[in-house]
Amino acid sequence: MNTSPKTKLYKRSAANTIYQRLQENRKFIQVIIGPRQVGKTTAILQTLEEINFPSYYASADLPAPPTLNWLKIQWEIARNKLVNSKPLVLVLDEIQKIPHWSNEVKRLWDEDTRNQNKIHVVILGSSSLLMQKGLDESLAGRFELIHCSYWSWLECKNCFGWDLDQYIYFGGYPGAATLINDESRWRHYIQDSLIETIISKDILLLNRVEKPALLRRLFVLACEYGGQILAYQKIMGQLQDVGNTTTLAHYQQLLESAYLIKGLEKWSGQAIRRRSSSPKWLPLNTGLVTALSNKSFDEWHNDKAAWGRLVEMVVGNHLVNMAKHSASNIYYWREKDKEVDFVISKGNDLLAVEVKSGKNRLMTYPGLEAFMEKYPQAKPLLIGEEGMLLTDFLEKSSWFAG
């Protein structure tokens, strides 16, 4: 069985945690969340094949959301597989599709604890909003959280032999990697099997959305204006079904929860001002942008301004992914005509990131210089030919150390 570097990483992390918990006989639910099609299910299934314990896998990713009775039945099947007090691993995939799932998991989990049933539970999910809500409401103190991200540059390079330009254009979707020599097939796969599935099954089916067309259009605009600042008022001016800013903010939250986009807030040093700022739109995978554009690799690559936007998004996505694994947050900064692409805040530390995909003949960076003057404690990071090479940056796992 072929195992990719990413799957090996997930599998090793999952297996180590499962082994440790089973050996310690500690009661924790292992929760693995991340976008669709990044290898969560593949990794856990391969882990189950390798560990020397009984296991049971069930997926709630059904045409219609299953009920709590479905969850009870799956749990009871796992209980019936317990033999001679030997621990068993129960994996529940896409559990956020079950209404009120967390209350029932808590009840069953506590029941097993009282009865000393040695069941180690692993939960997989692809909606951060629905997963986090359930975890916070019912399972506080009972779970460990593992974030799985889109594939990185190094992972795509090592697994598929991609060069940097291929990664910038096609993004980190492993399932579509075999299709990149036929751009039309690749584009339809991203549009139909990923984008449409995520919007219809992970958002519209599980959340109250009064204006689905507006949500879809907001996503398209976020991709069209990827890497740019666009206020809600300007968005409403481009939409026929305008709704209001509250509706757009809610739809943005839903798109973010499905790992499609992120609306970066403006860094100001004050939380109130940050929350009231116009978002900078960051699609979380460049493949979303290029697939929707219907422009070829050569068309993007020959357009220096467009290619520069993709490079900036790749940097932003890498920062977002790293932020999930550290106590840090990502913003942008702008005052009048001066702008810094990304600002990373971690405790009292600030990192100002400027991305330059081409040569800067004047070697001046007014936005970065203005930010450093206002926040002298900040550390500057220039990514491009005059600073850190993009490949070197994408191979770093931390921006404050080293």
Protein backbone atom coordinates (compact mmCIF):
# COMPACT_ATOMS: atom_id res chain seq x y z
CA MET A 1 0.00 0.00 0.00
CA ASN A 2 1.46 3.38 -1.01
CA THR A 3 1.62 5.86 1.83
CA SER A 4 2.30 9.55 1.17
CA PRO A 5 4.51 11.70 3.43
CA LYS A 6 1.44 13.53 4.70
CA THR A 7 -0.42 10.31 5.47
CA LYS A 8 2.66 8.95 7.18
CA LEU A 9 2.80 12.07 9.33
CA TYR A 10 -0.87 11.87 10.29
CA LYS A 11 -0.67 8.13 10.80
CA ARG A 12 2.40 8.38 13.00
CA SER A 13 0.79 11.13 15.09
CA ALA A 14 -2.51 9.26 15.36
CA ALA A 15 -0.86 5.90 16.07
CA ASN A 16 1.47 7.33 18.71
CA THR A 17 -1.41 9.04 20.49
CA ILE A 18 -3.62 5.94 20.33
CA TYR A 19 -0.83 3.70 21.61
CA GLN A 20 0.01 6.11 24.40
CA ARG A 21 -3.58 6.48 25.54
CA LEU A 22 -4.23 2.74 25.43
CA GLN A 23 -1.08 1.98 27.38
CA GLU A 24 -1.80 4.67 29.95
CA ASN A 25 -5.46 3.65 30.08
CA ARG A 26 -6.32 7.35 30.10
CA LYS A 27 -9.75 8.52 29.00
CA PHE A 28 -9.45 11.08 26.25
CA ILE A 29 -11.32 11.48 22.97
CA GLN A 30 -8.95 12.17 20.09
CA VAL A 31 -10.48 14.77 17.73
CA ILE A 32 -8.94 15.26 14.27
CA ILE A 33 -10.31 18.15 12.22
CA GLY A 34 -9.35 19.70 8.89
CA PRO A 35 -10.49 20.28 5.29
CA ARG A 36 -11.98 17.60 3.11
CA GLN A 37 -9.60 15.50 1.03
CA VAL A 38 -6.37 16.07 2.98
CA GLY A 39 -5.91 12.50 4.19
CA LYS A 40 -7.60 12.32 7.60
CA THR A 41 -9.64 9.19 6.86
CA THR A 42 -6.85 7.50 4.90
CA ALA A 43 -4.40 8.04 7.74
CA ILE A 44 -6.67 6.70 10.45
CA LEU A 45 -7.72 3.65 8.41
CA GLN A 46 -4.09 2.78 7.77
CA THR A 47 -3.41 3.29 11.47
CA LEU A 48 -6.18 0.83 12.34
CA GLU A 49 -4.59 -1.74 10.02
CA GLU A 50 -1.27 -1.48 11.82
CA ILE A 51 -2.15 -1.26 15.52
CA ASN A 52 -2.53 -4.50 17.44
CA PHE A 53 -5.97 -3.72 18.87
CA PRO A 54 -9.54 -4.40 17.78
CA SER A 55 -11.19 -1.47 16.02
CA TYR A 56 -14.42 -0.29 14.43
CA TYR A 57 -14.87 2.50 11.85
CA ALA A 58 -18.15 4.23 10.95
CA SER A 59 -18.78 7.30 8.78
CA ALA A 60 -21.71 9.70 9.09
CA ASP A 61 -20.98 11.12 5.62
CA LEU A 62 -24.31 9.89 4.23
CA PRO A 63 -26.67 11.48 1.65
CA ALA A 64 -28.93 12.70 4.48
CA PRO A 65 -27.67 13.56 7.99
CA PRO A 66 -28.01 10.48 10.22
CA THR A 67 -29.85 10.62 13.53
CA LEU A 68 -28.70 10.06 17.09
CA ASN A 69 -30.01 6.51 16.81
CA TRP A 70 -27.41 5.87 14.10
CA LEU A 71 -24.73 7.02 16.53
CA LYS A 72 -26.09 4.79 19.31
CA ILE A 73 -26.10 1.77 16.98
CA GLN A 74 -22.48 2.35 15.89
CA TRP A 75 -21.36 2.73 19.48
CA GLU A 76 -23.17 -0.47 20.50
CA ILE A 77 -21.52 -2.36 17.63
CA ALA A 78 -18.16 -1.25 19.01
CA ARG A 79 -19.12 -2.38 22.51
CA ASN A 80 -20.07 -5.79 21.19
CA LYS A 81 -16.60 -6.13 19.69
CA LEU A 82 -14.91 -5.81 23.08
CA VAL A 83 -13.15 -9.09 23.91
CA ASN A 84 -11.47 -10.10 27.16
CA SER A 85 -11.20 -6.50 28.39
CA LYS A 86 -8.82 -5.69 25.55
CA PRO A 87 -9.00 -2.02 24.46
CA LEU A 88 -10.86 -1.19 21.26
CA VAL A 89 -10.53 1.85 18.97
CA LEU A 90 -13.82 3.39 17.76
CA VAL A 91 -13.51 5.86 14.85
CA LEU A 92 -16.47 8.11 14.02
CA ASP A 93 -15.95 10.05 10.78
CA GLU A 94 -17.75 13.31 9.80
CA ILE A 95 -19.63 13.22 13.09
CA GLN A 96 -20.63 16.89 12.84
CA LYS A 97 -23.36 15.82 10.41
CA ILE A 98 -25.36 14.32 13.30
CA PRO A 99 -27.54 16.92 15.06
CA HIS A 100 -26.63 17.28 18.76
CA TRP A 101 -23.88 14.69 18.39
CA SER A 102 -21.76 15.98 21.25
CA ASN A 103 -24.38 15.45 23.96
CA GLU A 104 -24.83 11.83 22.89
CA VAL A 105 -21.09 11.22 22.67
CA LYS A 106 -20.73 12.60 26.19
CA ARG A 107 -23.51 10.34 27.49
CA LEU A 108 -22.09 7.21 25.85
CA TRP A 109 -18.53 8.11 26.81
CA ASP A 110 -19.44 8.66 30.46
CA GLU A 111 -21.46 5.45 30.44
CA ASP A 112 -18.43 3.51 29.21
CA THR A 113 -16.29 5.17 31.86
CA ARG A 114 -18.63 4.05 34.62
CA ASN A 115 -18.80 0.52 33.20
CA GLN A 116 -15.02 0.45 32.62
CA ASN A 117 -15.44 -0.29 28.90
CA LYS A 118 -12.01 0.22 27.36
CA ILE A 119 -13.06 2.07 24.20
CA HIS A 120 -10.70 4.70 22.77
CA VAL A 121 -12.71 7.10 20.61
CA VAL A 122 -11.30 8.94 17.59
CA ILE A 123 -13.54 11.58 15.98
CA LEU A 124 -12.91 13.06 12.51
CA GLY A 125 -14.58 16.21 11.21
CA SER A 126 -14.39 18.72 8.36
CA SER A 127 -16.43 21.61 9.81
CA SER A 128 -14.53 23.56 12.43
CA LEU A 129 -17.60 25.57 13.49
CA LEU A 130 -19.85 22.58 14.18
CA MET A 131 -17.02 20.53 15.68
CA GLN A 132 -15.79 23.27 18.02
CA LYS A 133 -19.33 24.11 19.13
CA GLY A 134 -19.95 20.51 20.14
CA LEU A 135 -16.60 20.18 21.86
CA ASP A 136 -17.04 23.36 23.86
CA GLU A 137 -20.64 22.67 24.86
CA SER A 138 -20.44 19.04 25.94
CA LEU A 139 -16.96 17.55 25.83
CA ALA A 140 -14.84 20.06 27.72
CA GLY A 141 -11.98 18.27 29.48
CA ARG A 142 -12.60 15.03 27.59
CA PHE A 143 -10.79 15.56 24.26
CA GLU A 144 -7.47 16.24 22.57
CA LEU A 145 -7.53 18.27 19.34
CA ILE A 146 -5.34 17.64 16.27
CA HIS A 147 -5.46 20.02 13.28
CA CYS A 148 -4.85 18.67 9.77
CA SER A 149 -4.13 21.25 7.08
CA TYR A 150 -3.87 21.40 3.31
CA TRP A 151 -0.70 19.82 1.99
CA SER A 152 2.42 21.94 2.21
CA TRP A 153 4.96 22.68 -0.49
CA LEU A 154 7.42 20.13 0.94
CA GLU A 155 4.77 17.42 1.12
CA CYS A 156 3.68 17.94 -2.49
CA LYS A 157 7.30 18.11 -3.63
CA ASN A 158 8.29 14.90 -1.83
CA CYS A 159 5.15 12.95 -2.71
CA PHE A 160 4.38 14.09 -6.26
CA GLY A 161 7.67 15.58 -7.48
CA TRP A 162 6.08 19.00 -8.01
CA ASP A 163 8.16 22.11 -8.60
CA LEU A 164 7.31 25.34 -6.81
CA ASP A 165 5.32 26.83 -9.69
CA GLN A 166 3.12 23.74 -9.83
CA TYR A 167 2.41 24.03 -6.13
CA ILE A 168 1.57 27.73 -6.45
CA TYR A 169 -0.95 27.06 -9.21
CA PHE A 170 -2.48 23.70 -8.25
CA GLY A 171 -2.45 24.08 -4.46
CA GLY A 172 -2.25 21.33 -1.85
CA TYR A 173 -5.05 18.94 -2.85
CA PRO A 174 -3.55 15.40 -2.96
CA GLY A 175 -6.62 13.80 -4.54
CA ALA A 176 -6.27 16.00 -7.62
CA ALA A 177 -2.51 15.56 -8.01
CA THR A 178 -2.79 12.84 -10.66
CA LEU A 179 -4.93 15.12 -12.85
CA ILE A 180 -2.62 18.10 -13.27
CA ASN A 181 -1.45 17.02 -16.74
CA ASP A 182 -5.04 17.47 -17.89
CA GLU A 183 -5.96 20.91 -16.58
CA SER A 184 -9.58 20.64 -17.69
CA ARG A 185 -10.12 17.43 -15.69
CA TRP A 186 -8.26 18.89 -12.72
CA ARG A 187 -10.37 22.06 -12.81
CA HIS A 188 -13.65 20.11 -12.95
CA TYR A 189 -12.52 17.89 -10.08
CA ILE A 190 -11.85 20.91 -7.87
CA GLN A 191 -15.09 22.63 -8.86
CA ASP A 192 -17.42 19.63 -8.70
CA SER A 193 -15.92 17.14 -6.25
CA LEU A 194 -14.49 19.61 -3.77
CA ILE A 195 -16.00 23.10 -3.90
CA GLU A 196 -19.58 22.02 -4.68
CA THR A 197 -19.45 19.11 -2.24
CA ILE A 198 -18.15 21.31 0.57
CA ILE A 199 -20.70 24.06 -0.01
CA SER A 200 -23.69 21.74 -0.46
CA LYS A 201 -22.87 19.04 2.12
CA ASP A 202 -20.76 20.81 4.75
CA ILE A 203 -22.46 24.20 4.75
CA LEU A 204 -25.94 24.29 3.20
CA LEU A 205 -27.06 20.88 4.47
CA LEU A 206 -25.94 21.49 8.04
CA ASN A 207 -26.61 25.19 8.58
CA ARG A 208 -29.49 27.58 8.13
CA VAL A 209 -28.69 29.62 5.02
CA GLU A 210 -31.55 31.78 3.79
CA LYS A 211 -29.75 32.95 0.67
CA PRO A 212 -27.60 30.13 -0.74
CA ALA A 213 -26.88 32.07 -3.95
CA LEU A 214 -25.48 34.93 -1.88
CA LEU A 215 -23.19 32.58 0.05
CA ARG A 216 -21.91 31.05 -3.19
CA ARG A 217 -21.32 34.47 -4.72
CA LEU A 218 -19.46 35.62 -1.62
CA PHE A 219 -17.12 32.65 -1.97
CA VAL A 220 -16.50 33.42 -5.64
CA LEU A 221 -15.76 37.06 -4.83
CA ALA A 222 -13.38 36.04 -2.03
CA CYS A 223 -11.46 34.02 -4.63
CA GLU A 224 -11.58 36.75 -7.27
CA TYR A 225 -10.27 39.27 -4.72
CA GLY A 226 -7.89 36.85 -3.01
CA GLY A 227 -5.09 38.72 -1.27
CA GLN A 228 -7.01 42.00 -1.45
CA ILE A 229 -8.95 44.10 1.06
CA LEU A 230 -12.62 44.42 0.20
CA ALA A 231 -15.23 45.93 2.52
CA TYR A 232 -18.70 44.44 2.91
CA GLN A 233 -20.23 47.62 1.48
CA LYS A 234 -18.23 47.21 -1.73
CA ILE A 235 -19.19 43.54 -1.88
CA MET A 236 -22.87 44.43 -1.60
CA GLY A 237 -22.42 46.82 -4.48
CA GLN A 238 -21.34 43.91 -6.69
CA LEU A 239 -24.11 41.53 -5.68
CA GLN A 240 -27.65 41.48 -6.96
CA ASP A 241 -29.03 39.78 -3.83
CA VAL A 242 -27.33 42.11 -1.39
CA GLY A 243 -28.66 41.08 2.00
CA ASN A 244 -26.82 43.07 4.68
CA THR A 245 -23.42 43.19 6.34
CA THR A 246 -24.58 40.95 9.20
CA THR A 247 -25.67 38.27 6.71
CA LEU A 248 -22.37 38.53 4.82
CA ALA A 249 -20.39 38.27 8.06
CA HIS A 250 -22.32 35.12 8.97
CA TYR A 251 -21.74 33.58 5.54
CA GLN A 252 -18.06 34.44 5.82
CA GLN A 253 -17.96 32.53 9.11
CA LEU A 254 -19.58 29.50 7.47
CA LEU A 255 -17.10 29.54 4.58
CA GLU A 256 -14.25 29.83 7.06
CA SER A 257 -15.58 26.91 9.11
CA ALA A 258 -15.42 24.73 5.98
CA TYR A 259 -11.75 25.69 5.43
CA LEU A 260 -12.44 27.50 2.15
CA ILE A 261 -11.45 31.07 3.00
CA LYS A 262 -10.25 33.29 5.81
CA GLY A 263 -11.08 36.96 6.22
CA LEU A 264 -8.02 38.53 7.83
CA GLU A 265 -8.62 41.40 10.24
CA LYS A 266 -6.55 44.57 10.24
CA TRP A 267 -3.86 44.75 12.90
CA SER A 268 -4.30 47.80 15.10
CA GLY A 269 -3.16 46.71 18.54
CA GLN A 270 -6.76 47.08 19.74
CA ALA A 271 -9.23 44.18 19.50
CA ILE A 272 -12.27 46.45 19.02
CA ARG A 273 -10.77 48.21 16.01
CA ARG A 274 -9.62 44.89 14.52
CA ARG A 275 -13.13 43.43 14.66
CA SER A 276 -14.59 46.46 12.86
CA SER A 277 -12.04 46.42 10.02
CA SER A 278 -12.65 45.46 6.41
CA PRO A 279 -11.38 41.92 5.79
CA LYS A 280 -8.50 40.95 3.59
CA TRP A 281 -9.74 37.89 1.70
CA LEU A 282 -7.51 34.83 1.77
CA PRO A 283 -8.65 31.65 -0.01
CA LEU A 284 -7.04 28.84 1.97
CA ASN A 285 -5.85 26.94 -1.10
CA THR A 286 -4.67 28.53 -4.35
CA GLY A 287 -6.26 25.66 -6.27
CA LEU A 288 -9.66 27.12 -5.35
CA VAL A 289 -8.74 30.39 -7.04
CA THR A 290 -7.16 28.99 -10.19
CA ALA A 291 -9.86 26.34 -10.73
CA LEU A 292 -12.65 28.93 -10.55
CA SER A 293 -10.82 31.35 -12.85
CA ASN A 294 -10.90 29.00 -15.88
CA LYS A 295 -7.48 30.38 -16.83
CA SER A 296 -4.66 28.00 -17.66
CA PHE A 297 -1.36 27.62 -15.86
CA ASP A 298 0.41 29.53 -18.65
CA GLU A 299 -2.10 32.38 -18.51
CA TRP A 300 -1.59 32.80 -14.78
CA HIS A 301 2.17 32.39 -14.97
CA ASN A 302 2.58 34.95 -17.76
CA ASP A 303 0.56 37.57 -15.87
CA LYS A 304 3.08 38.91 -13.34
CA ALA A 305 0.49 40.75 -11.25
CA ALA A 306 -1.85 37.74 -11.08
CA TRP A 307 1.01 35.37 -10.32
CA GLY A 308 2.20 37.70 -7.57
CA ARG A 309 -1.25 37.45 -5.95
CA LEU A 310 -0.99 33.65 -5.97
CA VAL A 311 2.46 33.83 -4.37
CA GLU A 312 1.10 36.11 -1.65
CA MET A 313 -1.78 33.67 -1.02
CA VAL A 314 0.66 30.76 -0.76
CA VAL A 315 2.59 32.67 1.91
CA GLY A 316 -0.62 33.57 3.73
CA ASN A 317 -1.82 29.98 3.68
CA HIS A 318 1.48 28.74 5.10
CA LEU A 319 1.22 31.29 7.90
CA VAL A 320 -2.39 30.30 8.64
CA ASN A 321 -1.47 26.62 8.79
CA MET A 322 1.44 27.28 11.13
CA ALA A 323 -0.72 29.51 13.32
CA LYS A 324 -3.01 26.55 14.04
CA HIS A 325 -0.11 24.80 15.76
CA SER A 326 1.03 27.75 17.88
CA ALA A 327 -0.49 30.43 20.08
CA SER A 328 -0.45 33.04 17.33
CA ASN A 329 -2.81 35.04 15.11
CA ILE A 330 -2.51 36.42 11.59
CA TYR A 331 -3.61 39.88 10.38
CA TYR A 332 -2.82 42.47 7.72
CA TRP A 333 -1.94 46.16 8.23
CA ARG A 334 -2.76 49.28 6.27
CA GLU A 335 -2.67 53.02 6.92
CA LYS A 336 -3.59 55.29 4.02
CA ASP A 337 -1.52 54.04 1.05
CA LYS A 338 0.96 52.01 3.10
CA GLU A 339 0.35 48.30 3.66
CA VAL A 340 2.01 45.21 5.12
CA ASP A 341 0.85 41.91 3.66
CA PHE A 342 0.71 39.93 6.91
CA VAL A 343 1.23 40.62 10.60
CA ILE A 344 1.74 37.70 12.99
CA SER A 345 1.07 38.23 16.67
CA LYS A 346 2.28 35.78 19.30
CA GLY A 347 2.15 37.02 22.86
CA ASN A 348 4.29 40.17 22.90
CA ASP A 349 6.03 39.26 19.64
CA LEU A 350 5.14 40.78 16.27
CA LEU A 351 6.28 39.69 12.84
CA ALA A 352 5.64 41.92 9.80
CA VAL A 353 5.71 39.94 6.53
CA GLU A 354 6.08 41.56 3.12
CA VAL A 355 5.89 39.40 -0.03
CA LYS A 356 7.65 40.49 -3.23
CA SER A 357 7.47 38.02 -6.10
CA GLY A 358 9.49 40.21 -8.50
CA LYS A 359 12.54 42.45 -8.34
CA ASN A 360 12.25 45.79 -6.56
CA ARG A 361 14.55 48.18 -8.45
CA LEU A 362 14.30 50.93 -5.84
CA MET A 363 14.83 48.50 -2.93
CA THR A 364 12.34 50.46 -0.82
CA TYR A 365 9.48 49.03 1.23
CA PRO A 366 7.36 51.95 2.46
CA GLY A 367 4.68 49.78 4.10
CA LEU A 368 7.18 47.69 6.04
CA GLU A 369 9.16 50.78 7.03
CA ALA A 370 6.03 52.61 8.24
CA PHE A 371 4.92 49.61 10.28
CA MET A 372 8.35 49.26 11.89
CA GLU A 373 8.31 52.94 12.79
CA LYS A 374 4.92 52.56 14.51
CA TYR A 375 5.71 49.20 16.09
CA PRO A 376 9.49 49.22 16.68
CA GLN A 377 9.32 45.95 18.65
CA ALA A 378 8.23 44.11 15.50
CA LYS A 379 10.53 41.85 13.52
CA PRO A 380 10.47 42.37 9.71
CA LEU A 381 10.46 39.51 7.23
CA LEU A 382 10.83 40.14 3.51
CA ILE A 383 10.02 37.18 1.25
CA GLY A 384 11.32 37.39 -2.30
CA GLU A 385 14.52 37.78 -4.25
CA GLU A 386 15.83 40.55 -1.96
CA GLY A 387 14.91 38.67 1.22
CA MET A 388 14.19 35.09 2.21
CA LEU A 389 13.56 32.84 -0.77
CA LEU A 390 10.00 31.57 -1.02
CA THR A 391 11.17 27.95 -0.95
CA ASP A 392 13.16 28.59 2.25
CA PHE A 393 10.15 30.24 3.88
CA LEU A 394 7.79 27.42 2.92
CA GLU A 395 10.20 24.91 4.47
CA LYS A 396 10.17 26.66 7.85
CA SER A 397 7.89 25.39 10.60
CA SER A 398 8.15 28.47 12.81
CA TRP A 399 8.58 32.19 12.18
CA PHE A 400 9.70 33.32 15.62
CA ALA A 401 12.41 30.73 16.28
CA GLY A 402 15.67 30.77 14.35
